[in-house]
Amino acid sequence: MNSYALMVEEANKKIDSHSKKYLASLLAEYSRVFVTNQINQRLYTSKYRSSEEKQVLQHCQRLLHEGWQP
């Protein structure tokens, strides 16, 4: 595996880990529907998100859609 592929894999692991921690903390306090709505709203209403934050929010959307549980 080349160095670029390793960097991408590490970045994906970091996003996955951060997304799951973020989701777990939100789901501990709020309903799944509320969390889903808030993530969708944050993702689609702000034009100035950092690339990493946008990736985390998109990954959270996928996890929620797939039924991920903390």
Protein backbone atom coordinates (compact mmCIF):
# COMPACT_ATOMS: atom_id res chain seq x y z
CA MET A 1 0.00 0.00 0.00
CA ASN A 2 1.44 3.38 -0.91
CA SER A 3 1.82 6.28 1.50
CA TYR A 4 -1.18 8.17 0.08
CA ALA A 5 -3.46 5.20 0.64
CA LEU A 6 -2.17 4.91 4.21
CA MET A 7 -2.85 8.61 4.84
CA VAL A 8 -6.40 8.24 3.49
CA GLU A 9 -7.00 5.15 5.62
CA GLU A 10 -5.75 6.93 8.76
CA ALA A 11 -7.92 9.98 8.00
CA ASN A 12 -10.97 7.74 7.53
CA LYS A 13 -10.29 5.98 10.84
CA LYS A 14 -9.98 9.35 12.58
CA ILE A 15 -13.27 10.58 11.08
CA ASP A 16 -15.02 7.32 11.99
CA SER A 17 -13.75 7.46 15.57
CA HIS A 18 -14.61 11.14 16.01
CA SER A 19 -18.06 10.64 14.46
CA LYS A 20 -18.91 7.73 16.74
CA LYS A 21 -17.77 9.60 19.87
CA TYR A 22 -19.75 12.68 18.81
CA LEU A 23 -22.88 10.64 18.04
CA ALA A 24 -22.64 8.63 21.25
CA SER A 25 -22.49 11.81 23.33
CA LEU A 26 -25.49 13.30 21.52
CA LEU A 27 -27.57 10.12 21.64
CA ALA A 28 -26.94 9.82 25.39
CA GLU A 29 -28.81 13.10 25.90
CA TYR A 30 -31.23 13.46 22.99
CA SER A 31 -33.59 11.37 20.89
CA ARG A 32 -32.39 9.85 17.63
CA VAL A 33 -34.85 11.97 15.63
CA PHE A 34 -33.65 15.19 17.28
CA VAL A 35 -29.98 14.30 16.69
CA THR A 36 -30.67 13.43 13.04
CA ASN A 37 -32.51 16.71 12.50
CA GLN A 38 -29.76 18.75 14.18
CA ILE A 39 -27.01 17.11 12.12
CA ASN A 40 -28.95 17.66 8.90
CA GLN A 41 -29.58 21.28 9.83
CA ARG A 42 -25.94 21.95 10.73
CA LEU A 43 -24.73 20.27 7.58
CA TYR A 44 -27.01 22.07 5.16
CA THR A 45 -27.39 25.53 6.69
CA SER A 46 -23.76 26.56 7.06
CA LYS A 47 -21.57 27.32 4.08
CA TYR A 48 -18.41 27.86 6.12
CA ARG A 49 -17.80 24.47 7.71
CA SER A 50 -14.28 23.09 7.75
CA SER A 51 -13.70 20.13 5.49
CA GLU A 52 -13.11 17.80 8.45
CA GLU A 53 -16.24 18.96 10.28
CA LYS A 54 -18.30 18.46 7.13
CA GLN A 55 -16.88 14.96 6.70
CA VAL A 56 -17.69 14.10 10.32
CA LEU A 57 -21.27 15.34 9.95
CA GLN A 58 -21.71 13.40 6.70
CA HIS A 59 -20.32 10.28 8.36
CA CYS A 60 -22.71 10.80 11.29
CA GLN A 61 -25.56 10.94 8.77
CA ARG A 62 -24.45 7.61 7.27
CA LEU A 63 -24.10 6.00 10.69
CA LEU A 64 -27.58 7.15 11.71
CA HIS A 65 -29.02 5.97 8.41
CA GLU A 66 -27.41 2.56 8.90
CA GLY A 67 -28.88 2.33 12.41
CA TRP A 68 -25.61 2.56 14.31
CA GLN A 69 -25.97 2.27 18.08
CA PRO A 70 -23.38 3.45 20.63
